[in-house]
């Protein structure tokens, strides 16, 4: 949850109790919950509108897919996979050398 651990959360709660007092804390927590629900509803509606505008081929679109880091990472991984498949050309008629066997050498070629 946002990189906040249990000790940090306890400190935040202690500061909130000291600043706002125990009387107002439940109301503030309720308001924070409502704000988070509204933000989630807004994000969901934005995602649904985007899917609707883009058409059926983007029906599985998620907003995190639009993160530039994700896009770059995806293209780099695809390029690496393509490079691996292209790096292994199959050459006919060649076989590995046996142990101790010297590779062929043409004295007149050099």
PDB file of N, CA and C in Angstrom:
ATOM      1  N   UNK A   1       0.839  -1.176   0.000  1.00  0.00           N
ATOM      2  CA  UNK A   1       0.000   0.000   0.000  1.00  0.00           C
ATOM      3  C   UNK A   1       0.884   1.240   0.000  1.00  0.00           C
ATOM      4  N   UNK A   2       1.226   1.758  -1.167  1.00  0.00           N
ATOM      5  CA  UNK A   2       1.999   2.979  -1.345  1.00  0.00           C
ATOM      6  C   UNK A   2       3.362   2.919  -0.674  1.00  0.00           C
ATOM      7  N   UNK A   3       3.883   1.746  -0.412  1.00  0.00           N
ATOM      8  CA  UNK A   3       5.194   1.612   0.204  1.00  0.00           C
ATOM      9  C   UNK A   3       5.204   1.986   1.678  1.00  0.00           C
ATOM     10  N   UNK A   4       4.049   1.984   2.312  1.00  0.00           N
ATOM     11  CA  UNK A   4       3.964   2.331   3.729  1.00  0.00           C
ATOM     12  C   UNK A   4       3.828   1.037   4.527  1.00  0.00           C
ATOM     13  N   UNK A   5       4.724   0.837   5.471  1.00  0.00           N
ATOM     14  CA  UNK A   5       4.684  -0.346   6.305  1.00  0.00           C
ATOM     15  C   UNK A   5       3.879  -0.093   7.575  1.00  0.00           C
ATOM     16  N   UNK A   6       3.834  -1.095   8.422  1.00  0.00           N
ATOM     17  CA  UNK A   6       3.087  -1.011   9.662  1.00  0.00           C
ATOM     18  C   UNK A   6       3.630   0.069  10.603  1.00  0.00           C
ATOM     19  N   UNK A   7       4.944   0.198  10.798  1.00  0.00           N
ATOM     20  CA  UNK A   7       5.440   1.255  11.698  1.00  0.00           C
ATOM     21  C   UNK A   7       5.089   2.665  11.200  1.00  0.00           C
ATOM     22  N   UNK A   8       5.214   2.896   9.887  1.00  0.00           N
ATOM     23  CA  UNK A   8       4.872   4.214   9.349  1.00  0.00           C
ATOM     24  C   UNK A   8       3.387   4.507   9.517  1.00  0.00           C
ATOM     25  N   UNK A   9       2.552   3.494   9.293  1.00  0.00           N
ATOM     26  CA  UNK A   9       1.108   3.669   9.447  1.00  0.00           C
ATOM     27  C   UNK A   9       0.751   3.989  10.898  1.00  0.00           C
ATOM     28  N   UNK A  10       1.420   3.356  11.840  1.00  0.00           N
ATOM     29  CA  UNK A  10       1.167   3.634  13.262  1.00  0.00           C
ATOM     30  C   UNK A  10       1.552   5.066  13.610  1.00  0.00           C
ATOM     31  N   UNK A  11       2.663   5.552  13.072  1.00  0.00           N
ATOM     32  CA  UNK A  11       3.083   6.935  13.335  1.00  0.00           C
ATOM     33  C   UNK A  11       2.071   7.910  12.741  1.00  0.00           C
ATOM     34  N   UNK A  12       1.600   7.632  11.528  1.00  0.00           N
ATOM     35  CA  UNK A  12       0.598   8.501  10.899  1.00  0.00           C
ATOM     36  C   UNK A  12      -0.677   8.533  11.730  1.00  0.00           C
ATOM     37  N   UNK A  13      -1.115   7.386  12.219  1.00  0.00           N
ATOM     38  CA  UNK A  13      -2.334   7.335  13.035  1.00  0.00           C
ATOM     39  C   UNK A  13      -2.139   8.098  14.346  1.00  0.00           C
ATOM     40  N   UNK A  14      -0.980   7.975  14.966  1.00  0.00           N
ATOM     41  CA  UNK A  14      -0.700   8.688  16.209  1.00  0.00           C
ATOM     42  C   UNK A  14      -0.716  10.194  15.990  1.00  0.00           C
ATOM     43  N   UNK A  15      -0.107  10.657  14.917  1.00  0.00           N
ATOM     44  CA  UNK A  15      -0.104  12.088  14.601  1.00  0.00           C
ATOM     45  C   UNK A  15      -1.526  12.564  14.317  1.00  0.00           C
ATOM     46  N   UNK A  16      -2.311  11.762  13.597  1.00  0.00           N
ATOM     47  CA  UNK A  16      -3.696  12.140  13.302  1.00  0.00           C
ATOM     48  C   UNK A  16      -4.513  12.268  14.580  1.00  0.00           C
ATOM     49  N   UNK A  17      -4.325  11.348  15.525  1.00  0.00           N
ATOM     50  CA  UNK A  17      -5.057  11.430  16.801  1.00  0.00           C
ATOM     51  C   UNK A  17      -4.638  12.675  17.568  1.00  0.00           C
ATOM     52  N   UNK A  18      -3.354  12.990  17.562  1.00  0.00           N
ATOM     53  CA  UNK A  18      -2.876  14.173  18.283  1.00  0.00           C
ATOM     54  C   UNK A  18      -3.336  15.467  17.630  1.00  0.00           C
ATOM     55  N   UNK A  19      -3.361  15.521  16.309  1.00  0.00           N
ATOM     56  CA  UNK A  19      -3.728  16.758  15.606  1.00  0.00           C
ATOM     57  C   UNK A  19      -5.232  16.973  15.613  1.00  0.00           C
ATOM     58  N   UNK A  20      -6.002  15.959  15.238  1.00  0.00           N
ATOM     59  CA  UNK A  20      -7.443  16.131  15.086  1.00  0.00           C
ATOM     60  C   UNK A  20      -8.235  15.756  16.336  1.00  0.00           C
ATOM     61  N   UNK A  21      -7.663  14.972  17.183  1.00  0.00           N
ATOM     62  CA  UNK A  21      -8.377  14.534  18.376  1.00  0.00           C
ATOM     63  C   UNK A  21      -9.207  13.304  18.088  1.00  0.00           C
ATOM     64  N   UNK A  22      -9.508  12.535  19.128  1.00  0.00           N
ATOM     65  CA  UNK A  22     -10.258  11.288  18.920  1.00  0.00           C
ATOM     66  C   UNK A  22     -11.723  11.533  18.529  1.00  0.00           C
ATOM     67  N   UNK A  23     -12.249  12.744  18.749  1.00  0.00           N
ATOM     68  CA  UNK A  23     -13.656  13.018  18.423  1.00  0.00           C
ATOM     69  C   UNK A  23     -13.876  13.104  16.907  1.00  0.00           C
ATOM     70  N   UNK A  24     -12.988  13.820  16.231  1.00  0.00           N
ATOM     71  CA  UNK A  24     -13.179  14.072  14.802  1.00  0.00           C
ATOM     72  C   UNK A  24     -12.584  12.982  13.907  1.00  0.00           C
ATOM     73  N   UNK A  25     -11.790  12.103  14.452  1.00  0.00           N
ATOM     74  CA  UNK A  25     -11.110  11.096  13.655  1.00  0.00           C
ATOM     75  C   UNK A  25     -12.062  10.171  12.889  1.00  0.00           C
ATOM     76  N   UNK A  26     -13.151   9.661  13.484  1.00  0.00           N
ATOM     77  CA  UNK A  26     -14.071   8.814  12.707  1.00  0.00           C
ATOM     78  C   UNK A  26     -14.697   9.548  11.520  1.00  0.00           C
ATOM     79  N   UNK A  27     -15.057  10.824  11.713  1.00  0.00           N
ATOM     80  CA  UNK A  27     -15.618  11.595  10.599  1.00  0.00           C
ATOM     81  C   UNK A  27     -14.592  11.774   9.475  1.00  0.00           C
ATOM     82  N   UNK A  28     -13.357  12.061   9.843  1.00  0.00           N
ATOM     83  CA  UNK A  28     -12.310  12.229   8.834  1.00  0.00           C
ATOM     84  C   UNK A  28     -12.045  10.928   8.097  1.00  0.00           C
ATOM     85  N   UNK A  29     -12.077   9.809   8.799  1.00  0.00           N
ATOM     86  CA  UNK A  29     -11.878   8.514   8.147  1.00  0.00           C
ATOM     87  C   UNK A  29     -13.021   8.218   7.179  1.00  0.00           C
ATOM     88  N   UNK A  30     -14.245   8.543   7.562  1.00  0.00           N
ATOM     89  CA  UNK A  30     -15.396   8.337   6.700  1.00  0.00           C
ATOM     90  C   UNK A  30     -15.282   9.198   5.444  1.00  0.00           C
ATOM     91  N   UNK A  31     -14.882  10.460   5.597  1.00  0.00           N
ATOM     92  CA  UNK A  31     -14.715  11.350   4.460  1.00  0.00           C
ATOM     93  C   UNK A  31     -13.596  10.865   3.533  1.00  0.00           C
ATOM     94  N   UNK A  32     -12.516  10.357   4.098  1.00  0.00           N
ATOM     95  CA  UNK A  32     -11.419   9.826   3.287  1.00  0.00           C
ATOM     96  C   UNK A  32     -11.884   8.612   2.493  1.00  0.00           C
ATOM     97  N   UNK A  33     -12.690   7.750   3.111  1.00  0.00           N
ATOM     98  CA  UNK A  33     -13.232   6.588   2.413  1.00  0.00           C
ATOM     99  C   UNK A  33     -14.142   6.991   1.262  1.00  0.00           C
ATOM    100  N   UNK A  34     -14.984   7.996   1.480  1.00  0.00           N
ATOM    101  CA  UNK A  34     -15.862   8.476   0.421  1.00  0.00           C
ATOM    102  C   UNK A  34     -15.052   9.079  -0.731  1.00  0.00           C
ATOM    103  N   UNK A  35     -14.001   9.814  -0.375  1.00  0.00           N
ATOM    104  CA  UNK A  35     -13.151  10.406  -1.400  1.00  0.00           C
ATOM    105  C   UNK A  35     -12.481   9.322  -2.244  1.00  0.00           C
ATOM    106  N   UNK A  36     -11.988   8.266  -1.612  1.00  0.00           N
ATOM    107  CA  UNK A  36     -11.360   7.169  -2.352  1.00  0.00           C
ATOM    108  C   UNK A  36     -12.369   6.449  -3.244  1.00  0.00           C
ATOM    109  N   UNK A  37     -13.599   6.254  -2.752  1.00  0.00           N
ATOM    110  CA  UNK A  37     -14.632   5.612  -3.569  1.00  0.00           C
ATOM    111  C   UNK A  37     -14.957   6.466  -4.797  1.00  0.00           C
ATOM    112  N   UNK A  38     -15.059   7.788  -4.609  1.00  0.00           N
ATOM    113  CA  UNK A  38     -15.352   8.678  -5.732  1.00  0.00           C
ATOM    114  C   UNK A  38     -14.204   8.674  -6.742  1.00  0.00           C
ATOM    115  N   UNK A  39     -12.979   8.648  -6.262  1.00  0.00           N
ATOM    116  CA  UNK A  39     -11.823   8.620  -7.166  1.00  0.00           C
ATOM    117  C   UNK A  39     -11.799   7.316  -7.964  1.00  0.00           C
ATOM    118  N   UNK A  40     -12.120   6.196  -7.315  1.00  0.00           N
ATOM    119  CA  UNK A  40     -12.159   4.911  -8.021  1.00  0.00           C
ATOM    120  C   UNK A  40     -13.274   4.906  -9.059  1.00  0.00           C
ATOM    121  N   UNK A  41     -14.432   5.461  -8.693  1.00  0.00           N
ATOM    122  CA  UNK A  41     -15.556   5.527  -9.622  1.00  0.00           C
ATOM    123  C   UNK A  41     -15.188   6.381 -10.838  1.00  0.00           C
ATOM    124  N   UNK A  42     -14.489   7.503 -10.598  1.00  0.00           N
ATOM    125  CA  UNK A  42     -14.063   8.377 -11.683  1.00  0.00           C
ATOM    126  C   UNK A  42     -13.077   7.655 -12.605  1.00  0.00           C
ATOM    127  N   UNK A  43     -12.112   6.952 -12.043  1.00  0.00           N
ATOM    128  CA  UNK A  43     -11.121   6.219 -12.851  1.00  0.00           C
ATOM    129  C   UNK A  43     -11.795   5.108 -13.654  1.00  0.00           C
ATOM    130  N   UNK A  44     -12.739   4.401 -13.047  1.00  0.00           N
ATOM    131  CA  UNK A  44     -13.445   3.338 -13.762  1.00  0.00           C
ATOM    132  C   UNK A  44     -14.262   3.893 -14.922  1.00  0.00           C
ATOM    133  N   UNK A  45     -14.926   5.023 -14.706  1.00  0.00           N
ATOM    134  CA  UNK A  45     -15.715   5.604 -15.784  1.00  0.00           C
ATOM    135  C   UNK A  45     -14.814   6.118 -16.906  1.00  0.00           C
ATOM    136  N   UNK A  46     -13.653   6.683 -16.562  1.00  0.00           N
ATOM    137  CA  UNK A  46     -12.711   7.134 -17.590  1.00  0.00           C
ATOM    138  C   UNK A  46     -12.213   5.943 -18.408  1.00  0.00           C
ATOM    139  N   UNK A  47     -11.899   4.820 -17.751  1.00  0.00           N
ATOM    140  CA  UNK A  47     -11.455   3.621 -18.451  1.00  0.00           C
ATOM    141  C   UNK A  47     -12.548   3.090 -19.371  1.00  0.00           C
ATOM    142  N   UNK A  48     -13.785   3.061 -18.884  1.00  0.00           N
ATOM    143  CA  UNK A  48     -14.890   2.550 -19.691  1.00  0.00           C
ATOM    144  C   UNK A  48     -15.142   3.434 -20.913  1.00  0.00           C
ATOM    145  N   UNK A  49     -15.065   4.761 -20.732  1.00  0.00           N
ATOM    146  CA  UNK A  49     -15.242   5.663 -21.867  1.00  0.00           C
ATOM    147  C   UNK A  49     -14.125   5.483 -22.888  1.00  0.00           C
ATOM    148  N   UNK A  50     -12.917   5.298 -22.426  1.00  0.00           N
ATOM    149  CA  UNK A  50     -11.787   5.089 -23.324  1.00  0.00           C
ATOM    150  C   UNK A  50     -11.954   3.795 -24.099  1.00  0.00           C
ATOM    151  N   UNK A  51     -12.361   2.735 -23.435  1.00  0.00           N
ATOM    152  CA  UNK A  51     -12.611   1.456 -24.122  1.00  0.00           C
ATOM    153  C   UNK A  51     -13.701   1.613 -25.182  1.00  0.00           C
ATOM    154  N   UNK A  52     -14.761   2.340 -24.817  1.00  0.00           N
ATOM    155  CA  UNK A  52     -15.878   2.533 -25.733  1.00  0.00           C
ATOM    156  C   UNK A  52     -15.451   3.319 -26.965  1.00  0.00           C
ATOM    157  N   UNK A  53     -14.649   4.350 -26.777  1.00  0.00           N
ATOM    158  CA  UNK A  53     -14.198   5.170 -27.894  1.00  0.00           C
ATOM    159  C   UNK A  53     -13.218   4.417 -28.797  1.00  0.00           C
ATOM    160  N   UNK A  54     -12.369   3.577 -28.235  1.00  0.00           N
ATOM    161  CA  UNK A  54     -11.361   2.871 -29.026  1.00  0.00           C
ATOM    162  C   UNK A  54     -11.934   1.694 -29.799  1.00  0.00           C
ATOM    163  N   UNK A  55     -13.023   1.131 -29.343  1.00  0.00           N
ATOM    164  CA  UNK A  55     -13.659   0.054 -30.079  1.00  0.00           C
ATOM    165  C   UNK A  55     -13.432  -1.311 -29.459  1.00  0.00           C
ATOM    166  N   UNK A  56     -13.973  -2.356 -30.099  1.00  0.00           N
ATOM    167  CA  UNK A  56     -13.928  -3.707 -29.518  1.00  0.00           C
ATOM    168  C   UNK A  56     -12.536  -4.327 -29.478  1.00  0.00           C
ATOM    169  N   UNK A  57     -11.607  -3.876 -30.336  1.00  0.00           N
ATOM    170  CA  UNK A  57     -10.279  -4.495 -30.310  1.00  0.00           C
ATOM    171  C   UNK A  57      -9.486  -4.102 -29.070  1.00  0.00           C
ATOM    172  N   UNK A  58      -9.943  -3.070 -28.352  1.00  0.00           N
ATOM    173  CA  UNK A  58      -9.285  -2.655 -27.112  1.00  0.00           C
ATOM    174  C   UNK A  58     -10.179  -2.918 -25.898  1.00  0.00           C
ATOM    175  N   UNK A  59     -10.995  -3.955 -25.954  1.00  0.00           N
ATOM    176  CA  UNK A  59     -11.926  -4.244 -24.868  1.00  0.00           C
ATOM    177  C   UNK A  59     -11.208  -4.641 -23.587  1.00  0.00           C
ATOM    178  N   UNK A  60     -10.007  -5.191 -23.709  1.00  0.00           N
ATOM    179  CA  UNK A  60      -9.272  -5.617 -22.515  1.00  0.00           C
ATOM    180  C   UNK A  60      -8.266  -4.559 -22.051  1.00  0.00           C
ATOM    181  N   UNK A  61      -8.418  -3.332 -22.498  1.00  0.00           N
ATOM    182  CA  UNK A  61      -7.497  -2.248 -22.151  1.00  0.00           C
ATOM    183  C   UNK A  61      -7.596  -1.897 -20.671  1.00  0.00           C
ATOM    184  N   UNK A  62      -6.461  -1.767 -20.035  1.00  0.00           N
ATOM    185  CA  UNK A  62      -6.378  -1.294 -18.650  1.00  0.00           C
ATOM    186  C   UNK A  62      -5.584   0.000 -18.663  1.00  0.00           C
ATOM    187  N   UNK A  63      -5.886   0.912 -17.739  1.00  0.00           N
ATOM    188  CA  UNK A  63      -5.198   2.192 -17.701  1.00  0.00           C
ATOM    189  C   UNK A  63      -3.712   2.031 -17.412  1.00  0.00           C
ATOM    190  N   UNK A  64      -3.329   1.001 -16.686  1.00  0.00           N
ATOM    191  CA  UNK A  64      -1.905   0.815 -16.394  1.00  0.00           C
ATOM    192  C   UNK A  64      -1.141   0.381 -17.640  1.00  0.00           C
ATOM    193  N   UNK A  65      -1.875  -0.102 -18.681  1.00  0.00           N
ATOM    194  CA  UNK A  65      -1.215  -0.437 -19.938  1.00  0.00           C
ATOM    195  C   UNK A  65      -0.731   0.809 -20.671  1.00  0.00           C
ATOM    196  N   UNK A  66      -1.260   1.972 -20.324  1.00  0.00           N
ATOM    197  CA  UNK A  66      -0.875   3.209 -20.978  1.00  0.00           C
ATOM    198  C   UNK A  66       0.327   3.872 -20.321  1.00  0.00           C
ATOM    199  N   UNK A  67       0.854   3.275 -19.278  1.00  0.00           N
ATOM    200  CA  UNK A  67       2.040   3.798 -18.605  1.00  0.00           C
ATOM    201  C   UNK A  67       3.228   3.679 -19.560  1.00  0.00           C
ATOM    202  N   UNK A  68       3.955   4.764 -19.815  1.00  0.00           N
ATOM    203  CA  UNK A  68       5.076   4.707 -20.761  1.00  0.00           C
ATOM    204  C   UNK A  68       6.124   3.666 -20.383  1.00  0.00           C
ATOM    205  N   UNK A  69       6.361   3.470 -19.107  1.00  0.00           N
ATOM    206  CA  UNK A  69       7.349   2.467 -18.692  1.00  0.00           C
ATOM    207  C   UNK A  69       6.912   1.072 -19.107  1.00  0.00           C
ATOM    208  N   UNK A  70       5.620   0.790 -18.980  1.00  0.00           N
ATOM    209  CA  UNK A  70       5.096  -0.521 -19.362  1.00  0.00           C
ATOM    210  C   UNK A  70       5.217  -0.723 -20.866  1.00  0.00           C
ATOM    211  N   UNK A  71       4.906   0.316 -21.633  1.00  0.00           N
ATOM    212  CA  UNK A  71       4.971   0.215 -23.087  1.00  0.00           C
ATOM    213  C   UNK A  71       6.408  -0.044 -23.538  1.00  0.00           C
ATOM    214  N   UNK A  72       7.360   0.718 -22.985  1.00  0.00           N
ATOM    215  CA  UNK A  72       8.766   0.544 -23.359  1.00  0.00           C
ATOM    216  C   UNK A  72       9.256  -0.835 -22.963  1.00  0.00           C
ATOM    217  N   UNK A  73       8.918  -1.275 -21.759  1.00  0.00           N
ATOM    218  CA  UNK A  73       9.341  -2.593 -21.292  1.00  0.00           C
ATOM    219  C   UNK A  73       8.804  -3.693 -22.213  1.00  0.00           C
ATOM    220  N   UNK A  74       7.534  -3.566 -22.627  1.00  0.00           N
ATOM    221  CA  UNK A  74       6.918  -4.559 -23.497  1.00  0.00           C
ATOM    222  C   UNK A  74       7.643  -4.626 -24.838  1.00  0.00           C
ATOM    223  N   UNK A  75       7.957  -3.467 -25.432  1.00  0.00           N
ATOM    224  CA  UNK A  75       8.624  -3.448 -26.723  1.00  0.00           C
ATOM    225  C   UNK A  75      10.061  -3.958 -26.628  1.00  0.00           C
ATOM    226  N   UNK A  76      10.740  -3.669 -25.538  1.00  0.00           N
ATOM    227  CA  UNK A  76      12.108  -4.159 -25.364  1.00  0.00           C
ATOM    228  C   UNK A  76      12.107  -5.681 -25.246  1.00  0.00           C
ATOM    229  N   UNK A  77      11.181  -6.236 -24.476  1.00  0.00           N
ATOM    230  CA  UNK A  77      11.104  -7.691 -24.320  1.00  0.00           C
ATOM    231  C   UNK A  77      10.779  -8.355 -25.658  1.00  0.00           C
ATOM    232  N   UNK A  78       9.853  -7.763 -26.430  1.00  0.00           N
ATOM    233  CA  UNK A  78       9.518  -8.322 -27.739  1.00  0.00           C
ATOM    234  C   UNK A  78      10.734  -8.279 -28.664  1.00  0.00           C
ATOM    235  N   UNK A  79      11.485  -7.168 -28.651  1.00  0.00           N
ATOM    236  CA  UNK A  79      12.673  -7.048 -29.502  1.00  0.00           C
ATOM    237  C   UNK A  79      13.738  -8.065 -29.102  1.00  0.00           C
ATOM    238  N   UNK A  80      13.895  -8.283 -27.798  1.00  0.00           N
ATOM    239  CA  UNK A  80      14.879  -9.263 -27.343  1.00  0.00           C
ATOM    240  C   UNK A  80      14.479 -10.673 -27.775  1.00  0.00           C
ATOM    241  N   UNK A  81      13.201 -10.993 -27.677  1.00  0.00           N
ATOM    242  CA  UNK A  81      12.729 -12.312 -28.102  1.00  0.00           C
ATOM    243  C   UNK A  81      12.912 -12.497 -29.604  1.00  0.00           C
ATOM    244  N   UNK A  82      12.635 -11.435 -30.392  1.00  0.00           N
ATOM    245  CA  UNK A  82      12.834 -11.518 -31.838  1.00  0.00           C
ATOM    246  C   UNK A  82      14.305 -11.706 -32.171  1.00  0.00           C
ATOM    247  N   UNK A  83      15.180 -11.000 -31.448  1.00  0.00           N
ATOM    248  CA  UNK A  83      16.616 -11.099 -31.705  1.00  0.00           C
ATOM    249  C   UNK A  83      17.131 -12.501 -31.390  1.00  0.00           C
ATOM    250  N   UNK A  84      16.595 -13.134 -30.363  1.00  0.00           N
ATOM    251  CA  UNK A  84      17.022 -14.491 -30.017  1.00  0.00           C
ATOM    252  C   UNK A  84      16.633 -15.486 -31.102  1.00  0.00           C
ATOM    253  N   UNK A  85      15.455 -15.337 -31.667  1.00  0.00           N
ATOM    254  CA  UNK A  85      15.028 -16.276 -32.708  1.00  0.00           C
ATOM    255  C   UNK A  85      15.799 -16.033 -33.997  1.00  0.00           C
ATOM    256  N   UNK A  86      16.158 -14.780 -34.284  1.00  0.00           N
ATOM    257  CA  UNK A  86      16.922 -14.485 -35.496  1.00  0.00           C
ATOM    258  C   UNK A  86      18.395 -14.820 -35.335  1.00  0.00           C
ATOM    259  N   UNK A  87      18.907 -14.894 -34.129  1.00  0.00           N
ATOM    260  CA  UNK A  87      20.329 -15.123 -33.886  1.00  0.00           C
ATOM    261  C   UNK A  87      20.734 -16.572 -34.117  1.00  0.00           C
ATOM    262  N   UNK A  88      19.795 -17.453 -34.285  1.00  0.00           N
ATOM    263  CA  UNK A  88      20.113 -18.869 -34.454  1.00  0.00           C
ATOM    264  C   UNK A  88      19.814 -19.315 -35.883  1.00  0.00           C
ATOM    265  N   UNK A  89      20.647 -18.877 -36.842  1.00  0.00           N
ATOM    266  CA  UNK A  89      20.378 -19.317 -38.220  1.00  0.00           C
ATOM    267  C   UNK A  89      20.767 -20.781 -38.387  1.00  0.00           C
ATOM    268  N   UNK A  90      20.002 -21.486 -39.154  1.00  0.00           N
ATOM    269  CA  UNK A  90      20.272 -22.899 -39.401  1.00  0.00           C
ATOM    270  C   UNK A  90      21.008 -23.002 -40.730  1.00  0.00           C
ATOM    271  N   UNK A  91      22.249 -23.496 -40.671  1.00  0.00           N
ATOM    272  CA  UNK A  91      23.062 -23.635 -41.865  1.00  0.00           C
ATOM    273  C   UNK A  91      23.153 -25.117 -42.198  1.00  0.00           C
ATOM    274  N   UNK A  92      22.849 -25.405 -43.443  1.00  0.00           N
ATOM    275  CA  UNK A  92      22.827 -26.809 -43.881  1.00  0.00           C
ATOM    276  C   UNK A  92      24.245 -27.297 -44.164  1.00  0.00           C
ATOM    277  N   UNK A  93      24.474 -28.551 -43.919  1.00  0.00           N
ATOM    278  CA  UNK A  93      25.732 -29.187 -44.255  1.00  0.00           C
ATOM    279  C   UNK A  93      26.838 -28.984 -43.233  1.00  0.00           C
ATOM    280  N   UNK A  94      26.617 -28.234 -42.209  1.00  0.00           N
ATOM    281  CA  UNK A  94      27.643 -28.005 -41.200  1.00  0.00           C
ATOM    282  C   UNK A  94      27.383 -28.894 -39.995  1.00  0.00           C
ATOM    283  N   UNK A  95      28.477 -29.408 -39.447  1.00  0.00           N
ATOM    284  CA  UNK A  95      28.352 -30.226 -38.244  1.00  0.00           C
ATOM    285  C   UNK A  95      29.455 -29.809 -37.274  1.00  0.00           C
ATOM    286  N   UNK A  96      29.264 -30.009 -36.016  1.00  0.00           N
ATOM    287  CA  UNK A  96      30.285 -29.606 -35.046  1.00  0.00           C
ATOM    288  C   UNK A  96      31.533 -30.475 -35.174  1.00  0.00           C
ATOM    289  N   UNK A  97      32.667 -29.886 -34.809  1.00  0.00           N
ATOM    290  CA  UNK A  97      33.930 -30.624 -34.864  1.00  0.00           C
ATOM    291  C   UNK A  97      33.993 -31.637 -33.736  1.00  0.00           C
ATOM    292  N   UNK A  98      34.651 -32.739 -34.018  1.00  0.00           N
ATOM    293  CA  UNK A  98      34.854 -33.749 -32.974  1.00  0.00           C
ATOM    294  C   UNK A  98      35.981 -33.275 -32.068  1.00  0.00           C
ATOM    295  N   UNK A  99      36.082 -33.853 -30.914  1.00  0.00           N
ATOM    296  CA  UNK A  99      37.104 -33.451 -29.965  1.00  0.00           C
ATOM    297  C   UNK A  99      38.491 -33.705 -30.534  1.00  0.00           C
ATOM    298  N   UNK A 100      39.333 -32.656 -30.542  1.00  0.00           N
ATOM    299  CA  UNK A 100      40.687 -32.761 -31.057  1.00  0.00           C
ATOM    300  C   UNK A 100      40.787 -32.540 -32.559  1.00  0.00           C
ATOM    301  N   UNK A 101      39.680 -32.431 -33.271  1.00  0.00           N
ATOM    302  CA  UNK A 101      39.683 -32.226 -34.715  1.00  0.00           C
ATOM    303  C   UNK A 101      39.953 -30.759 -35.029  1.00  0.00           C
ATOM    304  N   UNK A 102      40.821 -30.491 -35.996  1.00  0.00           N
ATOM    305  CA  UNK A 102      41.136 -29.124 -36.397  1.00  0.00           C
ATOM    306  C   UNK A 102      40.149 -28.659 -37.456  1.00  0.00           C
ATOM    307  N   UNK A 103      39.824 -27.384 -37.456  1.00  0.00           N
ATOM    308  CA  UNK A 103      38.924 -26.886 -38.485  1.00  0.00           C
ATOM    309  C   UNK A 103      39.623 -26.873 -39.851  1.00  0.00           C
ATOM    310  N   UNK A 104      38.877 -26.954 -40.933  1.00  0.00           N
ATOM    311  CA  UNK A 104      39.487 -26.950 -42.255  1.00  0.00           C
ATOM    312  C   UNK A 104      40.208 -25.615 -42.505  1.00  0.00           C
ATOM    313  N   UNK A 105      41.346 -25.706 -43.240  1.00  0.00           N
ATOM    314  CA  UNK A 105      42.157 -24.514 -43.465  1.00  0.00           C
ATOM    315  C   UNK A 105      42.659 -24.566 -44.893  1.00  0.00           C
ATOM    316  N   UNK A 106      42.520 -23.475 -45.626  1.00  0.00           N
ATOM    317  CA  UNK A 106      42.943 -23.399 -47.014  1.00  0.00           C
ATOM    318  C   UNK A 106      44.165 -22.496 -47.109  1.00  0.00           C
ATOM    319  N   UNK A 107      45.303 -23.081 -47.456  1.00  0.00           N
ATOM    320  CA  UNK A 107      46.545 -22.318 -47.531  1.00  0.00           C
ATOM    321  C   UNK A 107      46.521 -21.293 -48.661  1.00  0.00           C
ATOM    322  N   UNK A 108      45.827 -21.574 -49.734  1.00  0.00           N
ATOM    323  CA  UNK A 108      45.801 -20.674 -50.864  1.00  0.00           C
ATOM    324  C   UNK A 108      44.806 -19.526 -50.691  1.00  0.00           C
ATOM    325  N   UNK A 109      43.930 -19.598 -49.716  1.00  0.00           N
ATOM    326  CA  UNK A 109      42.914 -18.569 -49.545  1.00  0.00           C
ATOM    327  C   UNK A 109      43.469 -17.304 -48.907  1.00  0.00           C
ATOM    328  N   UNK A 110      44.610 -17.401 -48.242  1.00  0.00           N
ATOM    329  CA  UNK A 110      45.124 -16.208 -47.594  1.00  0.00           C
ATOM    330  C   UNK A 110      46.321 -15.624 -48.288  1.00  0.00           C
TER     331      UNK A 110
END
